[in-house]
C-alpha atoms as a PDB file:
ATOM      1  CA  MET A   1      -0.144   0.092   0.114  1.00  0.00           C
ATOM      2  CA  GLN A   2       1.274   3.353  -0.958  1.00  0.00           C
ATOM      3  CA  ARG A   3       2.097   6.132   1.664  1.00  0.00           C
ATOM      4  CA  PHE A   4       0.723   9.496   1.218  1.00  0.00           C
ATOM      5  CA  ASP A   5       2.364  12.836   1.748  1.00  0.00           C
ATOM      6  CA  ARG A   6       0.720  15.997   2.860  1.00  0.00           C
ATOM      7  CA  SER A   7      -0.574  17.071  -0.587  1.00  0.00           C
ATOM      8  CA  ARG A   8      -1.948  13.836  -1.631  1.00  0.00           C
ATOM      9  CA  PHE A   9      -3.780  13.526   1.683  1.00  0.00           C
ATOM     10  CA  VAL A  10      -5.269  16.909   1.189  1.00  0.00           C
ATOM     11  CA  ALA A  11      -6.377  15.907  -2.377  1.00  0.00           C
ATOM     12  CA  PHE A  12      -7.679  12.415  -1.575  1.00  0.00           C
ATOM     13  CA  GLY A  13      -8.455  12.739   2.147  1.00  0.00           C
ATOM     14  CA  VAL A  14      -9.308  16.297   3.185  1.00  0.00           C
ATOM     15  CA  LEU A  15     -11.406  17.261   0.050  1.00  0.00           C
ATOM     16  CA  PRO A  16     -13.604  14.030  -0.019  1.00  0.00           C
ATOM     17  CA  ALA A  17     -14.309  14.654   3.799  1.00  0.00           C
ATOM     18  CA  ILE A  18     -15.451  18.256   2.942  1.00  0.00           C
ATOM     19  CA  ASN A  19     -17.391  16.764  -0.126  1.00  0.00           C
ATOM     20  CA  ALA A  20     -19.201  14.372   2.193  1.00  0.00           C
ATOM     21  CA  ILE A  21     -20.340  17.274   4.477  1.00  0.00           C
ATOM     22  CA  ALA A  22     -21.536  19.214   1.524  1.00  0.00           C
ATOM     23  CA  LEU A  23     -23.471  16.162   0.274  1.00  0.00           C
ATOM     24  CA  LEU A  24     -25.090  15.610   3.598  1.00  0.00           C
ATOM     25  CA  LEU A  25     -26.135  19.381   3.782  1.00  0.00           C
ATOM     26  CA  HIS A  26     -27.415  19.138   0.122  1.00  0.00           C
ATOM     27  CA  GLY A  27     -29.516  16.081   1.150  1.00  0.00           C
ATOM     28  CA  LEU A  28     -30.678  17.995   4.262  1.00  0.00           C
ATOM     29  CA  ALA A  29     -31.717  20.933   2.039  1.00  0.00           C
ATOM     30  CA  LEU A  30     -33.530  18.565  -0.171  1.00  0.00           C
ATOM     31  CA  SER A  31     -35.460  16.733   2.434  1.00  0.00           C
ATOM     32  CA  THR A  32     -36.618  20.036   4.161  1.00  0.00           C
ATOM     33  CA  HIS A  33     -37.058  22.433   1.299  1.00  0.00           C
ATOM     34  CA  GLY A  34     -37.112  20.173  -1.726  1.00  0.00           C
ATOM     35  CA  THR A  35     -40.103  20.333  -4.033  1.00  0.00           C
ATOM     36  CA  ASP A  36     -41.814  17.775  -6.291  1.00  0.00           C
ATOM     37  CA  GLY A  37     -40.590  14.822  -4.280  1.00  0.00           C
ATOM     38  CA  SER A  38     -36.799  15.480  -4.594  1.00  0.00           C
ATOM     39  CA  GLY A  39     -36.492  14.490  -1.134  1.00  0.00           C
ATOM     40  CA  ARG A  40     -36.664  10.711  -2.193  1.00  0.00           C
ATOM     41  CA  ALA A  41     -33.063  10.913  -3.383  1.00  0.00           C
ATOM     42  CA  VAL A  42     -31.637  11.528   0.190  1.00  0.00           C
ATOM     43  CA  PRO A  43     -30.913   7.828   0.814  1.00  0.00           C
ATOM     44  CA  ALA A  44     -28.746   7.804  -2.364  1.00  0.00           C
ATOM     45  CA  ILE A  45     -27.084  11.133  -1.316  1.00  0.00           C
ATOM     46  CA  ALA A  46     -26.241   9.702   2.036  1.00  0.00           C
ATOM     47  CA  ALA A  47     -24.790   6.766   0.297  1.00  0.00           C
ATOM     48  CA  LEU A  48     -22.571   8.919  -1.589  1.00  0.00           C
ATOM     49  CA  ALA A  49     -21.456  10.561   1.432  1.00  0.00           C
ATOM     50  CA  ILE A  50     -20.503   7.393   3.185  1.00  0.00           C
ATOM     51  CA  ILE A  51     -18.438   6.468  -0.141  1.00  0.00           C
ATOM     52  CA  CYS A  52     -16.604   9.810   0.199  1.00  0.00           C
ATOM     53  CA  LEU A  53     -15.889   9.116   4.044  1.00  0.00           C
ATOM     54  CA  LEU A  54     -14.623   5.615   2.828  1.00  0.00           C
ATOM     55  CA  CYS A  55     -12.273   7.480   0.353  1.00  0.00           C
ATOM     56  CA  THR A  56     -11.137   9.689   3.160  1.00  0.00           C
ATOM     57  CA  LEU A  57     -10.579   6.619   5.480  1.00  0.00           C
ATOM     58  CA  SER A  58      -8.193   4.997   2.827  1.00  0.00           C
ATOM     59  CA  ALA A  59      -6.159   8.256   2.501  1.00  0.00           C
ATOM     60  CA  ALA A  60      -6.001   8.399   6.300  1.00  0.00           C
ATOM     61  CA  ILE A  61      -4.592   4.951   6.335  1.00  0.00           C
ATOM     62  CA  LYS A  62      -2.104   5.710   3.740  1.00  0.00           C
ATOM     63  CA  ARG A  63      -1.197   9.134   5.522  1.00  0.00           C
ATOM     64  CA  GLY A  64      -0.819   7.171   8.858  1.00  0.00           C
ATOM     65  CA  ARG A  65       1.644   4.751   7.053  1.00  0.00           C
ATOM     66  CA  ASP A  66       3.650   7.794   6.164  1.00  0.00           C
ATOM     67  CA  LEU A  67       3.580   9.062   9.825  1.00  0.00           C
ATOM     68  CA  GLY A  68       4.835   5.418  10.841  1.00  0.00           C
ATOM     69  CA  LEU A  69       1.518   4.474  12.334  1.00  0.00           C
ATOM     70  CA  HIS A  70      -0.091   0.862  11.819  1.00  0.00           C
ATOM     71  CA  ALA A  71      -3.234   0.704   9.650  1.00  0.00           C
ATOM     72  CA  GLY A  72      -5.266  -0.786  12.660  1.00  0.00           C
ATOM     73  CA  LEU A  73      -4.396   1.975  14.855  1.00  0.00           C
ATOM     74  CA  THR A  74      -5.188   4.723  12.141  1.00  0.00           C
ATOM     75  CA  LEU A  75      -8.550   2.843  11.445  1.00  0.00           C
ATOM     76  CA  LEU A  76      -9.519   2.772  15.094  1.00  0.00           C
ATOM     77  CA  ALA A  77      -8.532   6.371  15.554  1.00  0.00           C
ATOM     78  CA  PHE A  78     -10.591   7.402  12.495  1.00  0.00           C
ATOM     79  CA  TRP A  79     -13.901   5.641  13.559  1.00  0.00           C
ATOM     80  CA  PHE A  80     -13.451   6.961  17.090  1.00  0.00           C
ATOM     81  CA  SER A  81     -13.071  10.525  15.977  1.00  0.00           C
ATOM     82  CA  LEU A  82     -16.001   9.846  13.462  1.00  0.00           C
ATOM     83  CA  ALA A  83     -18.208   8.726  16.265  1.00  0.00           C
ATOM     84  CA  LEU A  84     -17.442  12.073  18.101  1.00  0.00           C
ATOM     85  CA  GLY A  85     -18.442  14.124  15.201  1.00  0.00           C
ATOM     86  CA  PRO A  86     -16.539  17.209  14.713  1.00  0.00           C
ATOM     87  CA  CYS A  87     -13.414  15.446  16.291  1.00  0.00           C
ATOM     88  CA  LEU A  88     -12.881  13.828  12.709  1.00  0.00           C
ATOM     89  CA  PHE A  89     -11.848  17.318  11.320  1.00  0.00           C
ATOM     90  CA  LEU A  90      -9.214  17.667  14.390  1.00  0.00           C
ATOM     91  CA  TYR A  91      -7.853  14.230  13.538  1.00  0.00           C
ATOM     92  CA  ILE A  92      -7.745  14.892   9.933  1.00  0.00           C
ATOM     93  CA  GLY A  93      -5.989  18.230  10.868  1.00  0.00           C
ATOM     94  CA  TYR A  94      -3.492  16.020  12.659  1.00  0.00           C
ATOM     95  CA  LEU A  95      -2.782  13.928   9.838  1.00  0.00           C
ATOM     96  CA  VAL A  96      -2.218  16.955   7.561  1.00  0.00           C
ATOM     97  CA  PHE A  97       0.100  18.823   9.717  1.00  0.00           C
ATOM     98  CA  ALA A  98       2.229  16.034  11.274  1.00  0.00           C
ATOM     99  CA  LYS A  99       5.685  15.423  10.006  1.00  0.00           C
ATOM    100  CA  SER A 100       6.709  12.238   8.467  1.00  0.00           C
ATOM    101  CA  LYS A 101       8.476   9.741  10.491  1.00  0.00           C
ATOM    102  CA  PRO A 102      11.745   7.947   9.662  1.00  0.00           C
ATOM    103  CA  LYS A 103      10.370   4.650  10.863  1.00  0.00           C
ATOM    104  CA  ALA A 104       7.830   4.879   7.984  1.00  0.00           C
ATOM    105  CA  ASP A 105      10.229   3.487   5.622  1.00  0.00           C
ATOM    106  CA  ALA A 106       9.245   0.156   7.061  1.00  0.00           C
ATOM    107  CA  PHE A 107       6.042   0.630   5.158  1.00  0.00           C
ATOM    108  CA  GLY A 108       7.547   1.145   1.891  1.00  0.00           C
ATOM    109  CA  PRO A 109       9.391   3.862  -0.188  1.00  0.00           C
ATOM    110  CA  PRO A 110       8.544   7.675   0.287  1.00  0.00           C
ATOM    111  CA  PRO A 111       5.892   8.853  -2.324  1.00  0.00           C
ATOM    112  CA  PHE A 112       6.901  10.659  -5.317  1.00  0.00           C
ATOM    113  CA  GLN A 113       5.873  14.140  -5.995  1.00  0.00           C
ATOM    114  CA  PRO A 114       2.296  14.472  -7.138  1.00  0.00           C
ATOM    115  CA  ASN A 115       1.920  15.470 -10.830  1.00  0.00           C
ATOM    116  CA  ILE A 116      -0.902  17.083 -12.889  1.00  0.00           C
ATOM    117  CA  GLY A 117      -2.624  13.504 -13.215  1.00  0.00           C
ATOM    118  CA  THR A 118      -2.894  13.384  -9.261  1.00  0.00           C
ATOM    119  CA  TRP A 119      -4.727  16.604  -9.159  1.00  0.00           C
ATOM    120  CA  LEU A 120      -6.910  15.688 -12.114  1.00  0.00           C
ATOM    121  CA  TRP A 121      -7.823  12.474 -10.428  1.00  0.00           C
ATOM    122  CA  SER A 122      -8.645  14.411  -7.142  1.00  0.00           C
ATOM    123  CA  PHE A 123     -10.913  16.639  -9.185  1.00  0.00           C
ATOM    124  CA  LEU A 124     -12.710  13.946 -10.904  1.00  0.00           C
ATOM    125  CA  ASN A 125     -13.006  12.159  -7.460  1.00  0.00           C
ATOM    126  CA  LEU A 126     -14.699  15.383  -6.273  1.00  0.00           C
ATOM    127  CA  VAL A 127     -17.193  15.928  -8.975  1.00  0.00           C
ATOM    128  CA  TRP A 128     -18.634  12.394  -9.678  1.00  0.00           C
ATOM    129  CA  PRO A 129     -20.697  12.280  -6.563  1.00  0.00           C
ATOM    130  CA  TRP A 130     -22.440  15.412  -7.510  1.00  0.00           C
ATOM    131  CA  PHE A 131     -23.412  14.097 -11.023  1.00  0.00           C
ATOM    132  CA  VAL A 132     -24.841  10.940  -9.330  1.00  0.00           C
ATOM    133  CA  ALA A 133     -26.575  13.181  -6.731  1.00  0.00           C
ATOM    134  CA  VAL A 134     -28.359  15.460  -9.344  1.00  0.00           C
ATOM    135  CA  ALA A 135     -29.234  12.359 -11.458  1.00  0.00           C
ATOM    136  CA  ALA A 136     -30.788  10.789  -8.134  1.00  0.00           C
ATOM    137  CA  ALA A 137     -32.779  13.823  -7.636  1.00  0.00           C
ATOM    138  CA  ARG A 138     -34.148  13.895 -11.129  1.00  0.00           C
ATOM    139  CA  ILE A 139     -34.923  10.238 -11.418  1.00  0.00           C
ATOM    140  CA  MET A 140     -36.379   9.574  -8.060  1.00  0.00           C
END
């Protein structure tokens, strides 16, 4: 499993977490102010938010490896902070600003510098849930 540096973690961990919050807020708006039955798309939007959080979890594990943490410890800390609500963003902030540890080399070589393809993939990862959410709101 690849290690993530700060920039990759921001691209594939922080931004999908913010995207999940935005999707949940969009679902809340649809369920409370939606017209013509658009609130029926809320379960699909909630599923998309869960998928975004799973992407954040994957990035957190990879970033944890860059910090020298085992995957089980990172997984436990992620779910514990998610259960505490806003503490998830405190944990994500720690993962963003923590320095890489030398013992992380046991988990593989350091990541290479991100290129334009990395940022393009990150952008596509942010956009596709919204296309699905809009389609679900139109279909349902």
